[in-house]
Amino acid sequence: MRSIKIFALAAGFITAVMVLAAFIIPKDKAPVKNKIAADGKGFAVVELFTSEGCSSCPPADELVARIQKEDKDKLVYILAFHVDYWNRLGWKDVFSSADYSKRQNQYANWLNLQSVYTPQIVVNGKKEFVGSEEGTLRNAITAGLRTNPAATLTLNIQKEPDHITIQYRVAGAEKNSDLLLALVQKAAQTKVQRGENGGRTLSHVQIVRKIQSQPLNTGGNGNTTITLPQGINTQDWEIIGLVQNKTNGEILAAAKANLMTTVNASKLEAKINNSLNH
């Protein structure tokens, strides 16, 4: 009788262990879907609106420079737009343009903001915040990288002595979308003589030197040209392309290409896509 009781207790214990094990998934057996979601197939477009005349802007410039270095192997696209409305306060930012101030004001309309300010960051055309908020920026980048893109953009460029020809292909974009192409200088320094940053030497990365926009046709394919400044070192410049919904500002796709050679999208994108497929 005693042996029967011991057997019954042992059988009950084993059953309990089996039931408990059914609810525990070992780490190395976790669903593949979760791993893919963590790796992400998305992108993050970080647009910084800044100015050399603004004393609050250098920390934001330094932050995006760190992000640029740390995330060089990820699909993170940084665009620094130097606005021109600070120029009247003692120092004219050589990289500034009224076109960039206009773009910032367009974001104010899209995002229902009462006014513009510097430094301001907008990520993927959807989230804006003070440009020096590191935690907010990192979280926004992570969210973008984990989101499957709504569209795809491929760039082919051919460099000529004074211009580049860009062939583009867009798939999956909405009808009310534009293609934006930015000519970007990767790095520069300025010794500021006057204004709020007078006496400081400021370092910048991913400086937008020219941006042009055009509506996408039905097929999403086409070509265009961008005139190059005289005497540029093509190693230090690149093209970043964006597909943007012109109704709400959301960025649907992004790609970049170096000016050194004719490329199909970017080497980085090819590398990442190859790793995702294996």
C-alpha atoms as a PDB file:
ATOM      1  CA  MET A   1       0.000   0.000   0.000  1.00  0.00           C
ATOM      2  CA  ARG A   2       2.828   2.367   0.877  1.00  0.00           C
ATOM      3  CA  SER A   3       4.562   1.690  -2.433  1.00  0.00           C
ATOM      4  CA  ILE A   4       1.356   2.515  -4.309  1.00  0.00           C
ATOM      5  CA  LYS A   5       1.140   5.889  -2.517  1.00  0.00           C
ATOM      6  CA  ILE A   6       4.779   6.684  -3.331  1.00  0.00           C
ATOM      7  CA  PHE A   7       4.189   5.792  -6.987  1.00  0.00           C
ATOM      8  CA  ALA A   8       1.127   8.021  -7.098  1.00  0.00           C
ATOM      9  CA  LEU A   9       3.018  10.953  -5.595  1.00  0.00           C
ATOM     10  CA  ALA A  10       5.887  10.490  -8.046  1.00  0.00           C
ATOM     11  CA  ALA A  11       3.505  10.339 -10.986  1.00  0.00           C
ATOM     12  CA  GLY A  12       1.768  13.522  -9.836  1.00  0.00           C
ATOM     13  CA  PHE A  13       5.079  15.331  -9.475  1.00  0.00           C
ATOM     14  CA  ILE A  14       6.184  14.345 -12.980  1.00  0.00           C
ATOM     15  CA  THR A  15       2.859  15.478 -14.439  1.00  0.00           C
ATOM     16  CA  ALA A  16       3.167  18.854 -12.707  1.00  0.00           C
ATOM     17  CA  VAL A  17       6.689  19.317 -14.084  1.00  0.00           C
ATOM     18  CA  MET A  18       5.500  18.496 -17.610  1.00  0.00           C
ATOM     19  CA  VAL A  19       2.626  20.989 -17.374  1.00  0.00           C
ATOM     20  CA  LEU A  20       4.957  23.705 -16.102  1.00  0.00           C
ATOM     21  CA  ALA A  21       7.471  22.990 -18.864  1.00  0.00           C
ATOM     22  CA  ALA A  22       4.742  23.411 -21.460  1.00  0.00           C
ATOM     23  CA  PHE A  23       4.488  27.086 -20.473  1.00  0.00           C
ATOM     24  CA  ILE A  24       8.224  27.779 -20.465  1.00  0.00           C
ATOM     25  CA  ILE A  25       9.989  28.410 -23.764  1.00  0.00           C
ATOM     26  CA  PRO A  26      13.779  28.207 -23.577  1.00  0.00           C
ATOM     27  CA  LYS A  27      15.581  31.331 -24.776  1.00  0.00           C
ATOM     28  CA  ASP A  28      17.224  29.446 -27.628  1.00  0.00           C
ATOM     29  CA  LYS A  29      13.775  28.177 -28.734  1.00  0.00           C
ATOM     30  CA  ALA A  30      12.034  31.559 -28.714  1.00  0.00           C
ATOM     31  CA  PRO A  31       9.780  32.252 -31.719  1.00  0.00           C
ATOM     32  CA  VAL A  32      11.756  33.392 -34.766  1.00  0.00           C
ATOM     33  CA  LYS A  33       9.164  36.120 -35.329  1.00  0.00           C
ATOM     34  CA  ASN A  34      10.261  37.943 -32.176  1.00  0.00           C
ATOM     35  CA  LYS A  35      13.904  37.879 -33.201  1.00  0.00           C
ATOM     36  CA  ILE A  36      13.110  39.362 -36.601  1.00  0.00           C
ATOM     37  CA  ALA A  37      11.063  42.126 -34.988  1.00  0.00           C
ATOM     38  CA  ALA A  38      13.978  42.989 -32.719  1.00  0.00           C
ATOM     39  CA  ASP A  39      16.434  43.092 -35.631  1.00  0.00           C
ATOM     40  CA  GLY A  40      14.087  45.261 -37.678  1.00  0.00           C
ATOM     41  CA  LYS A  41      13.968  46.012 -41.382  1.00  0.00           C
ATOM     42  CA  GLY A  42      13.097  49.685 -41.116  1.00  0.00           C
ATOM     43  CA  PHE A  43      15.005  52.948 -41.206  1.00  0.00           C
ATOM     44  CA  ALA A  44      15.295  56.190 -39.259  1.00  0.00           C
ATOM     45  CA  VAL A  45      15.546  59.573 -40.974  1.00  0.00           C
ATOM     46  CA  VAL A  46      16.790  62.136 -38.457  1.00  0.00           C
ATOM     47  CA  GLU A  47      16.295  65.750 -39.534  1.00  0.00           C
ATOM     48  CA  LEU A  48      18.019  68.300 -37.307  1.00  0.00           C
ATOM     49  CA  PHE A  49      17.069  71.973 -37.635  1.00  0.00           C
ATOM     50  CA  THR A  50      19.971  73.943 -36.247  1.00  0.00           C
ATOM     51  CA  SER A  51      21.952  77.186 -36.537  1.00  0.00           C
ATOM     52  CA  GLU A  52      25.443  78.436 -35.745  1.00  0.00           C
ATOM     53  CA  GLY A  53      23.800  81.533 -34.249  1.00  0.00           C
ATOM     54  CA  CYS A  54      21.942  79.532 -31.584  1.00  0.00           C
ATOM     55  CA  SER A  55      23.763  78.812 -28.311  1.00  0.00           C
ATOM     56  CA  SER A  56      21.487  75.832 -27.585  1.00  0.00           C
ATOM     57  CA  CYS A  57      22.345  74.106 -30.870  1.00  0.00           C
ATOM     58  CA  PRO A  58      25.935  72.803 -30.383  1.00  0.00           C
ATOM     59  CA  PRO A  59      24.819  70.028 -27.952  1.00  0.00           C
ATOM     60  CA  ALA A  60      22.331  68.819 -30.585  1.00  0.00           C
ATOM     61  CA  ASP A  61      25.018  68.947 -33.285  1.00  0.00           C
ATOM     62  CA  GLU A  62      27.313  66.902 -31.038  1.00  0.00           C
ATOM     63  CA  LEU A  63      24.538  64.395 -30.322  1.00  0.00           C
ATOM     64  CA  VAL A  64      23.796  63.654 -33.984  1.00  0.00           C
ATOM     65  CA  ALA A  65      27.548  63.362 -34.613  1.00  0.00           C
ATOM     66  CA  ARG A  66      27.718  60.619 -31.959  1.00  0.00           C
ATOM     67  CA  ILE A  67      24.680  58.908 -33.428  1.00  0.00           C
ATOM     68  CA  GLN A  68      26.229  59.109 -36.898  1.00  0.00           C
ATOM     69  CA  LYS A  69      29.362  57.366 -35.644  1.00  0.00           C
ATOM     70  CA  GLU A  70      27.602  54.747 -33.515  1.00  0.00           C
ATOM     71  CA  ASP A  71      24.935  53.855 -36.078  1.00  0.00           C
ATOM     72  CA  LYS A  72      27.136  53.793 -39.174  1.00  0.00           C
ATOM     73  CA  ASP A  73      26.174  50.159 -39.801  1.00  0.00           C
ATOM     74  CA  LYS A  74      22.425  50.806 -39.507  1.00  0.00           C
ATOM     75  CA  LEU A  75      19.887  52.418 -41.819  1.00  0.00           C
ATOM     76  CA  VAL A  76      20.011  55.759 -40.018  1.00  0.00           C
ATOM     77  CA  TYR A  77      20.005  58.830 -42.265  1.00  0.00           C
ATOM     78  CA  ILE A  78      20.979  62.152 -40.671  1.00  0.00           C
ATOM     79  CA  LEU A  79      20.192  65.471 -42.347  1.00  0.00           C
ATOM     80  CA  ALA A  80      21.266  68.729 -40.698  1.00  0.00           C
ATOM     81  CA  PHE A  81      19.284  71.715 -41.973  1.00  0.00           C
ATOM     82  CA  HIS A  82      20.799  75.073 -41.011  1.00  0.00           C
ATOM     83  CA  VAL A  83      17.916  77.555 -40.859  1.00  0.00           C
ATOM     84  CA  ASP A  84      18.363  81.215 -41.757  1.00  0.00           C
ATOM     85  CA  TYR A  85      16.198  83.090 -39.236  1.00  0.00           C
ATOM     86  CA  TRP A  86      19.066  83.323 -36.721  1.00  0.00           C
ATOM     87  CA  ASN A  87      21.240  85.192 -39.235  1.00  0.00           C
ATOM     88  CA  ARG A  88      19.813  88.597 -38.310  1.00  0.00           C
ATOM     89  CA  LEU A  89      21.076  88.272 -34.725  1.00  0.00           C
ATOM     90  CA  GLY A  90      24.786  88.855 -35.286  1.00  0.00           C
ATOM     91  CA  TRP A  91      26.165  85.876 -37.209  1.00  0.00           C
ATOM     92  CA  LYS A  92      25.326  84.605 -40.690  1.00  0.00           C
ATOM     93  CA  ASP A  93      25.508  80.818 -40.823  1.00  0.00           C
ATOM     94  CA  VAL A  94      27.279  79.988 -44.084  1.00  0.00           C
ATOM     95  CA  PHE A  95      25.318  76.736 -44.366  1.00  0.00           C
ATOM     96  CA  SER A  96      21.921  78.342 -43.813  1.00  0.00           C
ATOM     97  CA  SER A  97      19.134  78.634 -46.361  1.00  0.00           C
ATOM     98  CA  ALA A  98      15.605  79.993 -46.469  1.00  0.00           C
ATOM     99  CA  ASP A  99      14.635  76.662 -48.074  1.00  0.00           C
ATOM    100  CA  TYR A 100      15.502  74.860 -44.841  1.00  0.00           C
ATOM    101  CA  SER A 101      13.495  77.302 -42.730  1.00  0.00           C
ATOM    102  CA  LYS A 102      10.602  76.717 -45.122  1.00  0.00           C
ATOM    103  CA  ARG A 103      10.899  72.955 -44.626  1.00  0.00           C
ATOM    104  CA  GLN A 104      10.842  73.390 -40.862  1.00  0.00           C
ATOM    105  CA  ASN A 105       7.718  75.523 -41.103  1.00  0.00           C
ATOM    106  CA  GLN A 106       6.131  72.842 -43.247  1.00  0.00           C
ATOM    107  CA  TYR A 107       6.740  70.368 -40.440  1.00  0.00           C
ATOM    108  CA  ALA A 108       5.079  72.798 -38.027  1.00  0.00           C
ATOM    109  CA  ASN A 109       1.974  72.585 -40.219  1.00  0.00           C
ATOM    110  CA  TRP A 110       2.124  68.805 -40.567  1.00  0.00           C
ATOM    111  CA  LEU A 111       2.669  68.236 -36.839  1.00  0.00           C
ATOM    112  CA  ASN A 112       0.264  70.957 -35.651  1.00  0.00           C
ATOM    113  CA  LEU A 113       2.931  73.030 -33.880  1.00  0.00           C
ATOM    114  CA  GLN A 114       2.347  76.650 -32.950  1.00  0.00           C
ATOM    115  CA  SER A 115       5.896  77.722 -33.797  1.00  0.00           C
ATOM    116  CA  VAL A 116       9.347  76.511 -34.858  1.00  0.00           C
ATOM    117  CA  TYR A 117      12.478  76.456 -32.730  1.00  0.00           C
ATOM    118  CA  THR A 118      16.092  75.317 -32.666  1.00  0.00           C
ATOM    119  CA  PRO A 119      17.461  72.841 -32.082  1.00  0.00           C
ATOM    120  CA  GLN A 120      14.595  70.661 -33.293  1.00  0.00           C
ATOM    121  CA  ILE A 121      14.697  67.063 -34.498  1.00  0.00           C
ATOM    122  CA  VAL A 122      12.058  65.304 -36.585  1.00  0.00           C
ATOM    123  CA  VAL A 123      12.303  61.526 -37.031  1.00  0.00           C
ATOM    124  CA  ASN A 124      10.699  59.860 -40.056  1.00  0.00           C
ATOM    125  CA  GLY A 125       8.494  62.919 -40.490  1.00  0.00           C
ATOM    126  CA  LYS A 126       6.283  61.830 -37.604  1.00  0.00           C
ATOM    127  CA  LYS A 127       7.883  62.646 -34.227  1.00  0.00           C
ATOM    128  CA  GLU A 128       9.478  65.935 -33.186  1.00  0.00           C
ATOM    129  CA  PHE A 129      11.320  66.997 -30.039  1.00  0.00           C
ATOM    130  CA  VAL A 130      14.156  69.182 -28.731  1.00  0.00           C
ATOM    131  CA  GLY A 131      17.303  68.214 -30.611  1.00  0.00           C
ATOM    132  CA  SER A 132      19.460  67.671 -27.519  1.00  0.00           C
ATOM    133  CA  GLU A 133      17.124  65.059 -25.940  1.00  0.00           C
ATOM    134  CA  GLU A 134      19.356  62.022 -26.335  1.00  0.00           C
ATOM    135  CA  GLY A 135      17.036  59.416 -24.819  1.00  0.00           C
ATOM    136  CA  THR A 136      14.096  60.544 -26.941  1.00  0.00           C
ATOM    137  CA  LEU A 137      16.214  60.446 -30.084  1.00  0.00           C
ATOM    138  CA  ARG A 138      17.570  56.980 -29.399  1.00  0.00           C
ATOM    139  CA  ASN A 139      14.082  55.634 -28.691  1.00  0.00           C
ATOM    140  CA  ALA A 140      12.720  57.188 -31.886  1.00  0.00           C
ATOM    141  CA  ILE A 141      15.552  55.667 -33.934  1.00  0.00           C
ATOM    142  CA  THR A 142      14.947  52.238 -32.404  1.00  0.00           C
ATOM    143  CA  ALA A 143      11.228  52.494 -33.173  1.00  0.00           C
ATOM    144  CA  GLY A 144      11.962  53.420 -36.788  1.00  0.00           C
ATOM    145  CA  LEU A 145      14.403  50.549 -37.272  1.00  0.00           C
ATOM    146  CA  ARG A 146      11.800  48.088 -35.953  1.00  0.00           C
ATOM    147  CA  THR A 147       9.051  49.279 -38.294  1.00  0.00           C
ATOM    148  CA  ASN A 148       8.691  47.692 -41.711  1.00  0.00           C
ATOM    149  CA  PRO A 149       8.874  50.462 -44.347  1.00  0.00           C
ATOM    150  CA  ALA A 150       5.801  51.270 -46.391  1.00  0.00           C
ATOM    151  CA  ALA A 151       7.802  51.699 -49.591  1.00  0.00           C
ATOM    152  CA  THR A 152      11.242  51.138 -51.103  1.00  0.00           C
ATOM    153  CA  LEU A 153      13.617  53.518 -52.858  1.00  0.00           C
ATOM    154  CA  THR A 154      16.562  52.607 -55.079  1.00  0.00           C
ATOM    155  CA  LEU A 155      19.096  55.124 -56.383  1.00  0.00           C
ATOM    156  CA  ASN A 156      21.609  54.887 -59.214  1.00  0.00           C
ATOM    157  CA  ILE A 157      23.918  57.846 -59.724  1.00  0.00           C
ATOM    158  CA  GLN A 158      26.330  58.813 -62.457  1.00  0.00           C
ATOM    159  CA  LYS A 159      28.778  61.595 -61.671  1.00  0.00           C
ATOM    160  CA  GLU A 160      29.822  64.145 -64.286  1.00  0.00           C
ATOM    161  CA  PRO A 161      32.331  66.993 -63.781  1.00  0.00           C
ATOM    162  CA  ASP A 162      29.722  69.566 -62.768  1.00  0.00           C
ATOM    163  CA  HIS A 163      26.603  67.529 -61.977  1.00  0.00           C
ATOM    164  CA  ILE A 164      25.241  64.105 -61.139  1.00  0.00           C
ATOM    165  CA  THR A 165      22.469  62.221 -62.872  1.00  0.00           C
ATOM    166  CA  ILE A 166      20.233  60.227 -60.559  1.00  0.00           C
ATOM    167  CA  GLN A 167      18.037  57.372 -61.690  1.00  0.00           C
ATOM    168  CA  TYR A 168      15.460  56.395 -59.069  1.00  0.00           C
ATOM    169  CA  ARG A 169      12.960  53.622 -58.586  1.00  0.00           C
ATOM    170  CA  VAL A 170      10.172  53.750 -55.999  1.00  0.00           C
ATOM    171  CA  ALA A 171       7.829  50.892 -55.132  1.00  0.00           C
ATOM    172  CA  GLY A 172       4.877  50.911 -52.751  1.00  0.00           C
ATOM    173  CA  ALA A 173       4.578  54.675 -52.330  1.00  0.00           C
ATOM    174  CA  GLU A 174       1.251  56.447 -52.010  1.00  0.00           C
ATOM    175  CA  LYS A 175       0.021  58.594 -54.889  1.00  0.00           C
ATOM    176  CA  ASN A 176       0.392  61.859 -52.975  1.00  0.00           C
ATOM    177  CA  SER A 177       4.137  61.385 -52.420  1.00  0.00           C
ATOM    178  CA  ASP A 178       7.193  63.383 -53.407  1.00  0.00           C
ATOM    179  CA  LEU A 179      10.788  62.352 -53.955  1.00  0.00           C
ATOM    180  CA  LEU A 180      13.266  64.572 -52.101  1.00  0.00           C
ATOM    181  CA  LEU A 181      16.956  64.474 -52.960  1.00  0.00           C
ATOM    182  CA  ALA A 182      19.463  66.124 -50.635  1.00  0.00           C
ATOM    183  CA  LEU A 183      23.088  66.886 -51.456  1.00  0.00           C
ATOM    184  CA  VAL A 184      24.899  66.370 -48.149  1.00  0.00           C
ATOM    185  CA  GLN A 185      28.355  67.444 -46.986  1.00  0.00           C
ATOM    186  CA  LYS A 186      29.483  64.853 -44.448  1.00  0.00           C
ATOM    187  CA  ALA A 187      31.494  67.140 -42.131  1.00  0.00           C
ATOM    188  CA  ALA A 188      32.734  70.712 -41.678  1.00  0.00           C
ATOM    189  CA  GLN A 189      33.977  73.148 -39.052  1.00  0.00           C
ATOM    190  CA  THR A 190      33.332  76.852 -38.594  1.00  0.00           C
ATOM    191  CA  LYS A 191      35.039  79.395 -36.355  1.00  0.00           C
ATOM    192  CA  VAL A 192      32.168  81.620 -35.281  1.00  0.00           C
ATOM    193  CA  GLN A 193      33.151  85.260 -34.867  1.00  0.00           C
ATOM    194  CA  ARG A 194      29.984  86.839 -33.488  1.00  0.00           C
ATOM    195  CA  GLY A 195      26.576  86.080 -32.044  1.00  0.00           C
ATOM    196  CA  GLU A 196      25.662  83.701 -29.230  1.00  0.00           C
ATOM    197  CA  ASN A 197      28.453  81.275 -30.196  1.00  0.00           C
ATOM    198  CA  GLY A 198      31.070  83.954 -30.855  1.00  0.00           C
ATOM    199  CA  GLY A 199      34.628  82.711 -30.288  1.00  0.00           C
ATOM    200  CA  ARG A 200      33.710  79.022 -30.595  1.00  0.00           C
ATOM    201  CA  THR A 201      34.748  76.559 -33.285  1.00  0.00           C
ATOM    202  CA  LEU A 202      31.724  74.458 -34.170  1.00  0.00           C
ATOM    203  CA  SER A 203      31.782  71.035 -35.806  1.00  0.00           C
ATOM    204  CA  HIS A 204      28.937  69.823 -38.004  1.00  0.00           C
ATOM    205  CA  VAL A 205      27.994  66.548 -39.685  1.00  0.00           C
ATOM    206  CA  GLN A 206      25.595  65.643 -42.491  1.00  0.00           C
ATOM    207  CA  ILE A 207      25.047  69.234 -43.605  1.00  0.00           C
ATOM    208  CA  VAL A 208      22.377  69.620 -46.259  1.00  0.00           C
ATOM    209  CA  ARG A 209      23.785  71.904 -48.951  1.00  0.00           C
ATOM    210  CA  LYS A 210      20.965  71.550 -51.470  1.00  0.00           C
ATOM    211  CA  ILE A 211      17.565  69.872 -51.545  1.00  0.00           C
ATOM    212  CA  GLN A 212      15.134  69.431 -54.396  1.00  0.00           C
ATOM    213  CA  SER A 213      11.710  67.866 -54.587  1.00  0.00           C
ATOM    214  CA  GLN A 214       9.606  66.414 -57.363  1.00  0.00           C
ATOM    215  CA  PRO A 215       6.308  64.522 -57.476  1.00  0.00           C
ATOM    216  CA  LEU A 216       6.451  60.830 -58.282  1.00  0.00           C
ATOM    217  CA  ASN A 217       4.857  59.611 -61.474  1.00  0.00           C
ATOM    218  CA  THR A 218       2.540  56.606 -61.627  1.00  0.00           C
ATOM    219  CA  GLY A 219       5.327  54.121 -62.233  1.00  0.00           C
ATOM    220  CA  GLY A 220       7.592  55.564 -59.549  1.00  0.00           C
ATOM    221  CA  ASN A 221      10.603  55.558 -61.871  1.00  0.00           C
ATOM    222  CA  GLY A 222      12.509  58.438 -63.388  1.00  0.00           C
ATOM    223  CA  ASN A 223      15.710  60.448 -63.451  1.00  0.00           C
ATOM    224  CA  THR A 224      16.876  63.919 -62.528  1.00  0.00           C
ATOM    225  CA  THR A 225      20.088  65.924 -62.145  1.00  0.00           C
ATOM    226  CA  ILE A 226      21.718  67.896 -59.350  1.00  0.00           C
ATOM    227  CA  THR A 227      24.330  70.570 -60.045  1.00  0.00           C
ATOM    228  CA  LEU A 228      27.464  70.214 -57.926  1.00  0.00           C
ATOM    229  CA  PRO A 229      29.360  73.072 -56.266  1.00  0.00           C
ATOM    230  CA  GLN A 230      32.727  73.777 -57.832  1.00  0.00           C
ATOM    231  CA  GLY A 231      35.781  72.024 -56.453  1.00  0.00           C
ATOM    232  CA  ILE A 232      34.035  69.600 -54.090  1.00  0.00           C
ATOM    233  CA  ASN A 233      35.781  66.489 -52.835  1.00  0.00           C
ATOM    234  CA  THR A 234      33.311  63.774 -53.776  1.00  0.00           C
ATOM    235  CA  GLN A 235      34.613  61.537 -50.998  1.00  0.00           C
ATOM    236  CA  ASP A 236      33.133  63.935 -48.443  1.00  0.00           C
ATOM    237  CA  TRP A 237      29.676  64.279 -50.003  1.00  0.00           C
ATOM    238  CA  GLU A 238      26.681  62.020 -50.578  1.00  0.00           C
ATOM    239  CA  ILE A 239      23.107  61.961 -51.818  1.00  0.00           C
ATOM    240  CA  ILE A 240      20.225  61.069 -49.489  1.00  0.00           C
ATOM    241  CA  GLY A 241      16.844  60.406 -51.042  1.00  0.00           C
ATOM    242  CA  LEU A 242      13.491  60.434 -49.239  1.00  0.00           C
ATOM    243  CA  VAL A 243       9.981  59.454 -50.295  1.00  0.00           C
ATOM    244  CA  GLN A 244       7.587  61.655 -48.320  1.00  0.00           C
ATOM    245  CA  ASN A 245       3.814  61.831 -48.055  1.00  0.00           C
ATOM    246  CA  LYS A 246       3.066  65.460 -48.873  1.00  0.00           C
ATOM    247  CA  THR A 247      -0.227  65.397 -46.959  1.00  0.00           C
ATOM    248  CA  ASN A 248       1.056  64.456 -43.493  1.00  0.00           C
ATOM    249  CA  GLY A 249       4.859  64.545 -43.833  1.00  0.00           C
ATOM    250  CA  GLU A 250       5.480  60.868 -43.097  1.00  0.00           C
ATOM    251  CA  ILE A 251       8.645  59.518 -44.709  1.00  0.00           C
ATOM    252  CA  LEU A 252       7.886  56.239 -46.449  1.00  0.00           C
ATOM    253  CA  ALA A 253      11.321  55.234 -47.752  1.00  0.00           C
ATOM    254  CA  ALA A 254      14.926  56.389 -47.728  1.00  0.00           C
ATOM    255  CA  ALA A 255      18.211  55.560 -49.451  1.00  0.00           C
ATOM    256  CA  LYS A 256      21.636  57.086 -49.943  1.00  0.00           C
ATOM    257  CA  ALA A 257      24.461  56.949 -52.449  1.00  0.00           C
ATOM    258  CA  ASN A 258      28.069  58.086 -52.397  1.00  0.00           C
ATOM    259  CA  LEU A 259      29.415  60.337 -55.115  1.00  0.00           C
ATOM    260  CA  MET A 260      32.591  58.292 -55.546  1.00  0.00           C
ATOM    261  CA  THR A 261      31.129  55.656 -57.854  1.00  0.00           C
ATOM    262  CA  THR A 262      27.937  54.653 -59.579  1.00  0.00           C
ATOM    263  CA  VAL A 263      25.982  52.667 -57.015  1.00  0.00           C
ATOM    264  CA  ASN A 264      22.712  50.844 -56.625  1.00  0.00           C
ATOM    265  CA  ALA A 265      21.235  52.273 -53.417  1.00  0.00           C
ATOM    266  CA  SER A 266      24.033  52.079 -50.835  1.00  0.00           C
ATOM    267  CA  LYS A 267      26.621  49.492 -49.908  1.00  0.00           C
ATOM    268  CA  LEU A 268      25.277  49.653 -46.386  1.00  0.00           C
ATOM    269  CA  GLU A 269      21.762  48.765 -47.504  1.00  0.00           C
ATOM    270  CA  ALA A 270      23.047  45.866 -49.604  1.00  0.00           C
ATOM    271  CA  LYS A 271      25.063  44.606 -46.651  1.00  0.00           C
ATOM    272  CA  ILE A 272      22.112  44.798 -44.258  1.00  0.00           C
ATOM    273  CA  ASN A 273      19.650  43.249 -46.700  1.00  0.00           C
ATOM    274  CA  ASN A 274      22.076  40.423 -47.361  1.00  0.00           C
ATOM    275  CA  SER A 275      22.421  39.725 -43.647  1.00  0.00           C
ATOM    276  CA  LEU A 276      18.644  39.727 -43.181  1.00  0.00           C
ATOM    277  CA  ASN A 277      18.245  37.137 -45.921  1.00  0.00           C
ATOM    278  CA  HIS A 278      20.614  34.670 -44.266  1.00  0.00           C
END
